[in-house]
Structure formats: structure tokens, C-alpha cells
């Protein structure tokens, strides 16, 4: 298991496990009571995938994060992401 610090997450690209770019990590939301990360605040959000209306960004729950490495990979949740065009082979 690779160790990393919270500050390493800032600026990382976030992709769904269907290889769709979602945005970049702008901030990390902490659950101080339970001493864990509760969400990732994204900026530069792919508006073709995430509906952010008039907001600058979006917070995604950390529980959907699958992997953290060179990028952050999150679980694709059907219905959570809007799609303007089909994925490969769909």
C-alpha cells in the first residue's frame, strides 16, 4: 500500500473508472470527528459529465475513490454522471 499525504492530492486529476475526466482536486474535505477524508472538492469540472449549475466546482464523496496514484480514480455511479455522448462501444 502506497503512503501519501493529504497535500499530495491537491491538483491531481480525477477520472471515473470509465476513463472520463471529472476535474482537478482543489481542496480536501475532512471529517475531523472520525479522523478521515470525507470528500474531494473539484475545480475545472468537466461540465459534460457533472452538472454544477452556477457553482465553481463540486464535492465528490471520498467513499467512491477506488485508487490514488498518478491520478485519482473514482467509481462510476450510474445516474450520478450525465453523459452528452456515448462511451466507447456503447
PDB file of N, CA and C in Angstrom:
ATOM      1  N   UNK A   1       0.831  -1.175   0.000  1.00  0.00           N
ATOM      2  CA  UNK A   1       0.000   0.000   0.000  1.00  0.00           C
ATOM      3  C   UNK A   1       0.884   1.251   0.000  1.00  0.00           C
ATOM      4  N   UNK A   2       0.660   2.116  -0.949  1.00  0.00           N
ATOM      5  CA  UNK A   2       1.453   3.331  -1.071  1.00  0.00           C
ATOM      6  C   UNK A   2       0.975   4.368  -0.064  1.00  0.00           C
ATOM      7  N   UNK A   3       1.926   5.015   0.614  1.00  0.00           N
ATOM      8  CA  UNK A   3       1.557   6.073   1.550  1.00  0.00           C
ATOM      9  C   UNK A   3       1.665   7.410   0.854  1.00  0.00           C
ATOM     10  N   UNK A   4       0.754   8.324   1.210  1.00  0.00           N
ATOM     11  CA  UNK A   4       0.765   9.660   0.661  1.00  0.00           C
ATOM     12  C   UNK A   4       0.211  10.608   1.705  1.00  0.00           C
ATOM     13  N   UNK A   5       0.472  11.893   1.508  1.00  0.00           N
ATOM     14  CA  UNK A   5      -0.041  12.912   2.410  1.00  0.00           C
ATOM     15  C   UNK A   5      -1.213  13.608   1.743  1.00  0.00           C
ATOM     16  N   UNK A   6      -2.078  14.187   2.548  1.00  0.00           N
ATOM     17  CA  UNK A   6      -3.241  14.887   2.009  1.00  0.00           C
ATOM     18  C   UNK A   6      -2.823  15.947   1.008  1.00  0.00           C
ATOM     19  N   UNK A   7      -1.727  16.649   1.286  1.00  0.00           N
ATOM     20  CA  UNK A   7      -1.273  17.714   0.385  1.00  0.00           C
ATOM     21  C   UNK A   7      -0.906  17.176  -1.000  1.00  0.00           C
ATOM     22  N   UNK A   8      -0.595  15.882  -1.103  1.00  0.00           N
ATOM     23  CA  UNK A   8      -0.284  15.266  -2.403  1.00  0.00           C
ATOM     24  C   UNK A   8      -1.500  15.237  -3.319  1.00  0.00           C
ATOM     25  N   UNK A   9      -2.713  15.280  -2.740  1.00  0.00           N
ATOM     26  CA  UNK A   9      -3.938  15.194  -3.537  1.00  0.00           C
ATOM     27  C   UNK A   9      -4.231  16.480  -4.313  1.00  0.00           C
ATOM     28  N   UNK A  10      -3.775  17.612  -3.793  1.00  0.00           N
ATOM     29  CA  UNK A  10      -4.081  18.894  -4.427  1.00  0.00           C
ATOM     30  C   UNK A  10      -3.548  18.951  -5.858  1.00  0.00           C
ATOM     31  N   UNK A  11      -4.413  19.336  -6.787  1.00  0.00           N
ATOM     32  CA  UNK A  11      -4.026  19.462  -8.190  1.00  0.00           C
ATOM     33  C   UNK A  11      -4.081  18.167  -8.980  1.00  0.00           C
ATOM     34  N   UNK A  12      -4.384  17.054  -8.317  1.00  0.00           N
ATOM     35  CA  UNK A  12      -4.435  15.776  -9.035  1.00  0.00           C
ATOM     36  C   UNK A  12      -5.679  15.711  -9.915  1.00  0.00           C
ATOM     37  N   UNK A  13      -5.532  15.068 -11.068  1.00  0.00           N
ATOM     38  CA  UNK A  13      -6.666  14.838 -11.963  1.00  0.00           C
ATOM     39  C   UNK A  13      -7.517  13.697 -11.425  1.00  0.00           C
ATOM     40  N   UNK A  14      -8.839  13.853 -11.571  1.00  0.00           N
ATOM     41  CA  UNK A  14      -9.783  12.843 -11.108  1.00  0.00           C
ATOM     42  C   UNK A  14     -10.519  12.289 -12.320  1.00  0.00           C
ATOM     43  N   UNK A  15     -10.524  10.966 -12.436  1.00  0.00           N
ATOM     44  CA  UNK A  15     -11.189  10.273 -13.536  1.00  0.00           C
ATOM     45  C   UNK A  15     -12.139   9.231 -12.974  1.00  0.00           C
ATOM     46  N   UNK A  16     -13.211   8.963 -13.723  1.00  0.00           N
ATOM     47  CA  UNK A  16     -14.076   7.842 -13.352  1.00  0.00           C
ATOM     48  C   UNK A  16     -13.400   6.563 -13.842  1.00  0.00           C
ATOM     49  N   UNK A  17     -13.859   5.425 -13.343  1.00  0.00           N
ATOM     50  CA  UNK A  17     -13.279   4.158 -13.798  1.00  0.00           C
ATOM     51  C   UNK A  17     -13.727   3.791 -15.210  1.00  0.00           C
ATOM     52  N   UNK A  18     -14.487   4.688 -15.856  1.00  0.00           N
ATOM     53  CA  UNK A  18     -14.824   4.547 -17.278  1.00  0.00           C
ATOM     54  C   UNK A  18     -13.940   5.490 -18.113  1.00  0.00           C
ATOM     55  N   UNK A  19     -12.835   5.955 -17.506  1.00  0.00           N
ATOM     56  CA  UNK A  19     -11.835   6.808 -18.164  1.00  0.00           C
ATOM     57  C   UNK A  19     -12.392   8.169 -18.583  1.00  0.00           C
ATOM     58  N   UNK A  20     -13.269   8.728 -17.764  1.00  0.00           N
ATOM     59  CA  UNK A  20     -13.840  10.046 -18.052  1.00  0.00           C
ATOM     60  C   UNK A  20     -13.251  11.052 -17.072  1.00  0.00           C
ATOM     61  N   UNK A  21     -12.644  12.129 -17.613  1.00  0.00           N
ATOM     62  CA  UNK A  21     -12.077  13.177 -16.774  1.00  0.00           C
ATOM     63  C   UNK A  21     -13.198  13.915 -16.052  1.00  0.00           C
ATOM     64  N   UNK A  22     -13.074  14.061 -14.734  1.00  0.00           N
ATOM     65  CA  UNK A  22     -14.087  14.745 -13.944  1.00  0.00           C
ATOM     66  C   UNK A  22     -13.651  16.132 -13.503  1.00  0.00           C
ATOM     67  N   UNK A  23     -12.372  16.303 -13.167  1.00  0.00           N
ATOM     68  CA  UNK A  23     -11.867  17.597 -12.722  1.00  0.00           C
ATOM     69  C   UNK A  23     -10.555  17.432 -11.978  1.00  0.00           C
ATOM     70  N   UNK A  24     -10.110  18.528 -11.330  1.00  0.00           N
ATOM     71  CA  UNK A  24      -8.875  18.527 -10.544  1.00  0.00           C
ATOM     72  C   UNK A  24      -9.214  18.786  -9.087  1.00  0.00           C
ATOM     73  N   UNK A  25      -8.431  18.179  -8.190  1.00  0.00           N
ATOM     74  CA  UNK A  25      -8.649  18.381  -6.759  1.00  0.00           C
ATOM     75  C   UNK A  25      -8.209  19.793  -6.378  1.00  0.00           C
ATOM     76  N   UNK A  26      -9.157  20.551  -5.867  1.00  0.00           N
ATOM     77  CA  UNK A  26      -8.899  21.915  -5.385  1.00  0.00           C
ATOM     78  C   UNK A  26      -8.712  21.918  -3.865  1.00  0.00           C
ATOM     79  N   UNK A  27      -9.459  21.056  -3.188  1.00  0.00           N
ATOM     80  CA  UNK A  27      -9.416  21.022  -1.729  1.00  0.00           C
ATOM     81  C   UNK A  27      -9.864  19.647  -1.242  1.00  0.00           C
ATOM     82  N   UNK A  28      -9.566  19.376   0.002  1.00  0.00           N
ATOM     83  CA  UNK A  28      -9.933  18.110   0.627  1.00  0.00           C
ATOM     84  C   UNK A  28     -10.856  18.424   1.801  1.00  0.00           C
ATOM     85  N   UNK A  29     -11.974  17.712   1.885  1.00  0.00           N
ATOM     86  CA  UNK A  29     -12.932  17.901   2.974  1.00  0.00           C
ATOM     87  C   UNK A  29     -12.657  16.825   4.020  1.00  0.00           C
ATOM     88  N   UNK A  30     -12.409  17.275   5.250  1.00  0.00           N
ATOM     89  CA  UNK A  30     -12.070  16.344   6.326  1.00  0.00           C
ATOM     90  C   UNK A  30     -13.238  16.161   7.285  1.00  0.00           C
ATOM     91  N   UNK A  31     -13.395  14.930   7.753  1.00  0.00           N
ATOM     92  CA  UNK A  31     -14.322  14.607   8.835  1.00  0.00           C
ATOM     93  C   UNK A  31     -13.447  14.519  10.083  1.00  0.00           C
ATOM     94  N   UNK A  32     -13.370  15.617  10.815  1.00  0.00           N
ATOM     95  CA  UNK A  32     -12.461  15.708  11.952  1.00  0.00           C
ATOM     96  C   UNK A  32     -12.867  14.745  13.068  1.00  0.00           C
ATOM     97  N   UNK A  33     -14.151  14.587  13.279  1.00  0.00           N
ATOM     98  CA  UNK A  33     -14.647  13.695  14.334  1.00  0.00           C
ATOM     99  C   UNK A  33     -14.162  12.267  14.129  1.00  0.00           C
ATOM    100  N   UNK A  34     -14.275  11.783  12.896  1.00  0.00           N
ATOM    101  CA  UNK A  34     -13.880  10.404  12.589  1.00  0.00           C
ATOM    102  C   UNK A  34     -12.470  10.281  12.033  1.00  0.00           C
ATOM    103  N   UNK A  35     -11.762  11.417  11.942  1.00  0.00           N
ATOM    104  CA  UNK A  35     -10.361  11.441  11.501  1.00  0.00           C
ATOM    105  C   UNK A  35     -10.158  10.783  10.143  1.00  0.00           C
ATOM    106  N   UNK A  36     -10.980  11.221   9.162  1.00  0.00           N
ATOM    107  CA  UNK A  36     -10.831  10.672   7.815  1.00  0.00           C
ATOM    108  C   UNK A  36     -11.231  11.723   6.778  1.00  0.00           C
ATOM    109  N   UNK A  37     -10.883  11.456   5.536  1.00  0.00           N
ATOM    110  CA  UNK A  37     -11.275  12.318   4.424  1.00  0.00           C
ATOM    111  C   UNK A  37     -12.721  11.992   4.077  1.00  0.00           C
ATOM    112  N   UNK A  38     -13.568  13.028   3.958  1.00  0.00           N
ATOM    113  CA  UNK A  38     -14.963  12.756   3.609  1.00  0.00           C
ATOM    114  C   UNK A  38     -15.286  13.136   2.163  1.00  0.00           C
ATOM    115  N   UNK A  39     -14.478  13.997   1.542  1.00  0.00           N
ATOM    116  CA  UNK A  39     -14.764  14.375   0.164  1.00  0.00           C
ATOM    117  C   UNK A  39     -13.609  15.095  -0.494  1.00  0.00           C
ATOM    118  N   UNK A  40     -13.718  15.204  -1.807  1.00  0.00           N
ATOM    119  CA  UNK A  40     -12.742  15.951  -2.609  1.00  0.00           C
ATOM    120  C   UNK A  40     -13.484  17.062  -3.333  1.00  0.00           C
ATOM    121  N   UNK A  41     -13.019  18.294  -3.150  1.00  0.00           N
ATOM    122  CA  UNK A  41     -13.602  19.437  -3.848  1.00  0.00           C
ATOM    123  C   UNK A  41     -12.868  19.587  -5.173  1.00  0.00           C
ATOM    124  N   UNK A  42     -13.616  19.510  -6.278  1.00  0.00           N
ATOM    125  CA  UNK A  42     -13.025  19.578  -7.610  1.00  0.00           C
ATOM    126  C   UNK A  42     -13.248  20.948  -8.229  1.00  0.00           C
ATOM    127  N   UNK A  43     -12.287  21.360  -9.024  1.00  0.00           N
ATOM    128  CA  UNK A  43     -12.393  22.560  -9.836  1.00  0.00           C
ATOM    129  C   UNK A  43     -12.058  22.149 -11.266  1.00  0.00           C
ATOM    130  N   UNK A  44     -12.296  23.039 -12.221  1.00  0.00           N
ATOM    131  CA  UNK A  44     -12.048  22.680 -13.617  1.00  0.00           C
ATOM    132  C   UNK A  44     -12.899  21.497 -14.011  1.00  0.00           C
ATOM    133  N   UNK A  45     -14.122  21.476 -13.494  1.00  0.00           N
ATOM    134  CA  UNK A  45     -15.015  20.329 -13.643  1.00  0.00           C
ATOM    135  C   UNK A  45     -15.464  20.153 -15.087  1.00  0.00           C
ATOM    136  N   UNK A  46     -15.460  18.908 -15.540  1.00  0.00           N
ATOM    137  CA  UNK A  46     -15.957  18.548 -16.864  1.00  0.00           C
ATOM    138  C   UNK A  46     -17.472  18.688 -16.848  1.00  0.00           C
ATOM    139  N   UNK A  47     -17.985  19.795 -17.383  1.00  0.00           N
ATOM    140  CA  UNK A  47     -19.413  20.076 -17.319  1.00  0.00           C
ATOM    141  C   UNK A  47     -20.235  19.201 -18.263  1.00  0.00           C
ATOM    142  N   UNK A  48     -19.575  18.454 -19.141  1.00  0.00           N
ATOM    143  CA  UNK A  48     -20.285  17.483 -19.968  1.00  0.00           C
ATOM    144  C   UNK A  48     -20.660  16.250 -19.162  1.00  0.00           C
ATOM    145  N   UNK A  49     -20.030  16.088 -18.014  1.00  0.00           N
ATOM    146  CA  UNK A  49     -20.251  14.898 -17.191  1.00  0.00           C
ATOM    147  C   UNK A  49     -20.951  15.237 -15.880  1.00  0.00           C
ATOM    148  N   UNK A  50     -20.508  16.311 -15.230  1.00  0.00           N
ATOM    149  CA  UNK A  50     -21.079  16.709 -13.942  1.00  0.00           C
ATOM    150  C   UNK A  50     -21.867  18.000 -14.106  1.00  0.00           C
ATOM    151  N   UNK A  51     -23.071  18.024 -13.598  1.00  0.00           N
ATOM    152  CA  UNK A  51     -23.919  19.203 -13.674  1.00  0.00           C
ATOM    153  C   UNK A  51     -23.665  20.065 -12.442  1.00  0.00           C
ATOM    154  N   UNK A  52     -22.954  21.203 -12.630  1.00  0.00           N
ATOM    155  CA  UNK A  52     -22.622  22.037 -11.480  1.00  0.00           C
ATOM    156  C   UNK A  52     -23.418  23.344 -11.461  1.00  0.00           C
ATOM    157  N   UNK A  53     -24.338  23.503 -12.391  1.00  0.00           N
ATOM    158  CA  UNK A  53     -25.187  24.689 -12.472  1.00  0.00           C
ATOM    159  C   UNK A  53     -24.340  25.948 -12.427  1.00  0.00           C
ATOM    160  N   UNK A  54     -24.548  26.844 -11.464  1.00  0.00           N
ATOM    161  CA  UNK A  54     -23.799  28.108 -11.409  1.00  0.00           C
ATOM    162  C   UNK A  54     -22.642  28.070 -10.420  1.00  0.00           C
ATOM    163  N   UNK A  55     -22.312  26.888  -9.918  1.00  0.00           N
ATOM    164  CA  UNK A  55     -21.230  26.776  -8.952  1.00  0.00           C
ATOM    165  C   UNK A  55     -19.887  26.682  -9.659  1.00  0.00           C
ATOM    166  N   UNK A  56     -18.825  26.964  -8.917  1.00  0.00           N
ATOM    167  CA  UNK A  56     -17.466  26.909  -9.468  1.00  0.00           C
ATOM    168  C   UNK A  56     -16.911  25.489  -9.483  1.00  0.00           C
ATOM    169  N   UNK A  57     -17.423  24.647  -8.620  1.00  0.00           N
ATOM    170  CA  UNK A  57     -16.893  23.290  -8.532  1.00  0.00           C
ATOM    171  C   UNK A  57     -17.906  22.368  -7.895  1.00  0.00           C
ATOM    172  N   UNK A  58     -17.423  21.207  -7.485  1.00  0.00           N
ATOM    173  CA  UNK A  58     -18.294  20.190  -6.899  1.00  0.00           C
ATOM    174  C   UNK A  58     -17.482  19.387  -5.885  1.00  0.00           C
ATOM    175  N   UNK A  59     -18.159  18.851  -4.864  1.00  0.00           N
ATOM    176  CA  UNK A  59     -17.506  17.962  -3.902  1.00  0.00           C
ATOM    177  C   UNK A  59     -18.011  16.551  -4.167  1.00  0.00           C
ATOM    178  N   UNK A  60     -17.068  15.641  -4.377  1.00  0.00           N
ATOM    179  CA  UNK A  60     -17.445  14.236  -4.561  1.00  0.00           C
ATOM    180  C   UNK A  60     -17.111  13.482  -3.274  1.00  0.00           C
ATOM    181  N   UNK A  61     -17.944  12.533  -2.877  1.00  0.00           N
ATOM    182  CA  UNK A  61     -17.673  11.782  -1.645  1.00  0.00           C
ATOM    183  C   UNK A  61     -16.427  10.912  -1.795  1.00  0.00           C
ATOM    184  N   UNK A  62     -15.604  10.907  -0.762  1.00  0.00           N
ATOM    185  CA  UNK A  62     -14.358  10.139  -0.818  1.00  0.00           C
ATOM    186  C   UNK A  62     -14.625   8.638  -0.856  1.00  0.00           C
ATOM    187  N   UNK A  63     -15.790   8.210  -0.399  1.00  0.00           N
ATOM    188  CA  UNK A  63     -16.088   6.767  -0.393  1.00  0.00           C
ATOM    189  C   UNK A  63     -16.140   6.166  -1.801  1.00  0.00           C
ATOM    190  N   UNK A  64     -16.277   7.010  -2.852  1.00  0.00           N
ATOM    191  CA  UNK A  64     -16.299   6.456  -4.206  1.00  0.00           C
ATOM    192  C   UNK A  64     -14.903   6.403  -4.830  1.00  0.00           C
ATOM    193  N   UNK A  65     -13.875   6.865  -4.094  1.00  0.00           N
ATOM    194  CA  UNK A  65     -12.494   6.793  -4.597  1.00  0.00           C
ATOM    195  C   UNK A  65     -12.037   5.343  -4.569  1.00  0.00           C
ATOM    196  N   UNK A  66     -11.548   4.863  -5.732  1.00  0.00           N
ATOM    197  CA  UNK A  66     -11.063   3.485  -5.843  1.00  0.00           C
ATOM    198  C   UNK A  66      -9.553   3.412  -5.664  1.00  0.00           C
ATOM    199  N   UNK A  67      -8.835   4.341  -6.298  1.00  0.00           N
ATOM    200  CA  UNK A  67      -7.376   4.304  -6.299  1.00  0.00           C
ATOM    201  C   UNK A  67      -6.817   5.714  -6.275  1.00  0.00           C
ATOM    202  N   UNK A  68      -5.674   5.868  -5.620  1.00  0.00           N
ATOM    203  CA  UNK A  68      -4.917   7.118  -5.653  1.00  0.00           C
ATOM    204  C   UNK A  68      -3.509   6.755  -6.080  1.00  0.00           C
ATOM    205  N   UNK A  69      -3.069   7.336  -7.185  1.00  0.00           N
ATOM    206  CA  UNK A  69      -1.725   7.094  -7.707  1.00  0.00           C
ATOM    207  C   UNK A  69      -1.282   8.343  -8.425  1.00  0.00           C
ATOM    208  N   UNK A  70      -0.979   8.222  -9.720  1.00  0.00           N
ATOM    209  CA  UNK A  70      -0.663   9.393 -10.532  1.00  0.00           C
ATOM    210  C   UNK A  70      -1.922  10.216 -10.786  1.00  0.00           C
ATOM    211  N   UNK A  71      -3.061   9.550 -10.740  1.00  0.00           N
ATOM    212  CA  UNK A  71      -4.375  10.193 -10.844  1.00  0.00           C
ATOM    213  C   UNK A  71      -5.247   9.612  -9.728  1.00  0.00           C
ATOM    214  N   UNK A  72      -6.421  10.198  -9.558  1.00  0.00           N
ATOM    215  CA  UNK A  72      -7.402   9.649  -8.628  1.00  0.00           C
ATOM    216  C   UNK A  72      -8.497   9.014  -9.465  1.00  0.00           C
ATOM    217  N   UNK A  73      -8.780   7.764  -9.179  1.00  0.00           N
ATOM    218  CA  UNK A  73      -9.787   7.005  -9.912  1.00  0.00           C
ATOM    219  C   UNK A  73     -10.993   6.796  -8.998  1.00  0.00           C
ATOM    220  N   UNK A  74     -12.174   7.206  -9.491  1.00  0.00           N
ATOM    221  CA  UNK A  74     -13.391   7.047  -8.690  1.00  0.00           C
ATOM    222  C   UNK A  74     -14.343   6.080  -9.365  1.00  0.00           C
ATOM    223  N   UNK A  75     -15.170   5.467  -8.560  1.00  0.00           N
ATOM    224  CA  UNK A  75     -16.165   4.518  -9.062  1.00  0.00           C
ATOM    225  C   UNK A  75     -17.220   5.274  -9.866  1.00  0.00           C
ATOM    226  N   UNK A  76     -17.535   4.771 -11.043  1.00  0.00           N
ATOM    227  CA  UNK A  76     -18.584   5.364 -11.870  1.00  0.00           C
ATOM    228  C   UNK A  76     -19.926   4.914 -11.309  1.00  0.00           C
ATOM    229  N   UNK A  77     -20.756   5.888 -10.946  1.00  0.00           N
ATOM    230  CA  UNK A  77     -22.062   5.564 -10.388  1.00  0.00           C
ATOM    231  C   UNK A  77     -23.120   5.879 -11.438  1.00  0.00           C
ATOM    232  N   UNK A  78     -23.799   4.855 -11.959  1.00  0.00           N
ATOM    233  CA  UNK A  78     -24.829   5.095 -12.975  1.00  0.00           C
ATOM    234  C   UNK A  78     -25.864   6.096 -12.470  1.00  0.00           C
ATOM    235  N   UNK A  79     -26.150   7.074 -13.294  1.00  0.00           N
ATOM    236  CA  UNK A  79     -27.127   8.095 -12.939  1.00  0.00           C
ATOM    237  C   UNK A  79     -26.521   9.308 -12.241  1.00  0.00           C
ATOM    238  N   UNK A  80     -25.317   9.165 -11.685  1.00  0.00           N
ATOM    239  CA  UNK A  80     -24.691  10.290 -10.987  1.00  0.00           C
ATOM    240  C   UNK A  80     -24.008  11.234 -11.961  1.00  0.00           C
ATOM    241  N   UNK A  81     -23.547  10.693 -13.087  1.00  0.00           N
ATOM    242  CA  UNK A  81     -22.847  11.491 -14.081  1.00  0.00           C
ATOM    243  C   UNK A  81     -23.716  11.600 -15.319  1.00  0.00           C
ATOM    244  N   UNK A  82     -23.916  12.813 -15.812  1.00  0.00           N
ATOM    245  CA  UNK A  82     -24.649  12.965 -17.068  1.00  0.00           C
ATOM    246  C   UNK A  82     -23.667  12.732 -18.209  1.00  0.00           C
ATOM    247  N   UNK A  83     -24.152  12.231 -19.303  1.00  0.00           N
ATOM    248  CA  UNK A  83     -23.289  11.966 -20.466  1.00  0.00           C
ATOM    249  C   UNK A  83     -23.895  12.640 -21.689  1.00  0.00           C
ATOM    250  N   UNK A  84     -23.088  13.448 -22.365  1.00  0.00           N
ATOM    251  CA  UNK A  84     -23.582  14.099 -23.567  1.00  0.00           C
ATOM    252  C   UNK A  84     -23.272  13.264 -24.814  1.00  0.00           C
ATOM    253  N   UNK A  85     -22.350  12.340 -24.676  1.00  0.00           N
ATOM    254  CA  UNK A  85     -22.020  11.466 -25.807  1.00  0.00           C
ATOM    255  C   UNK A  85     -21.721  10.077 -25.281  1.00  0.00           C
ATOM    256  N   UNK A  86     -21.942   9.046 -26.066  1.00  0.00           N
ATOM    257  CA  UNK A  86     -21.721   7.675 -25.591  1.00  0.00           C
ATOM    258  C   UNK A  86     -20.240   7.371 -25.395  1.00  0.00           C
ATOM    259  N   UNK A  87     -19.965   6.449 -24.505  1.00  0.00           N
ATOM    260  CA  UNK A  87     -18.610   5.979 -24.307  1.00  0.00           C
ATOM    261  C   UNK A  87     -18.239   5.014 -25.418  1.00  0.00           C
ATOM    262  N   UNK A  88     -16.980   4.649 -25.470  1.00  0.00           N
ATOM    263  CA  UNK A  88     -16.522   3.702 -26.488  1.00  0.00           C
ATOM    264  C   UNK A  88     -17.323   2.421 -26.398  1.00  0.00           C
ATOM    265  N   UNK A  89     -17.835   1.961 -27.523  1.00  0.00           N
ATOM    266  CA  UNK A  89     -18.531   0.701 -27.591  1.00  0.00           C
ATOM    267  C   UNK A  89     -19.940   0.701 -27.027  1.00  0.00           C
ATOM    268  N   UNK A  90     -20.427   1.858 -26.623  1.00  0.00           N
ATOM    269  CA  UNK A  90     -21.794   1.890 -26.072  1.00  0.00           C
ATOM    270  C   UNK A  90     -22.748   2.482 -27.059  1.00  0.00           C
TER     271      UNK A  90
END
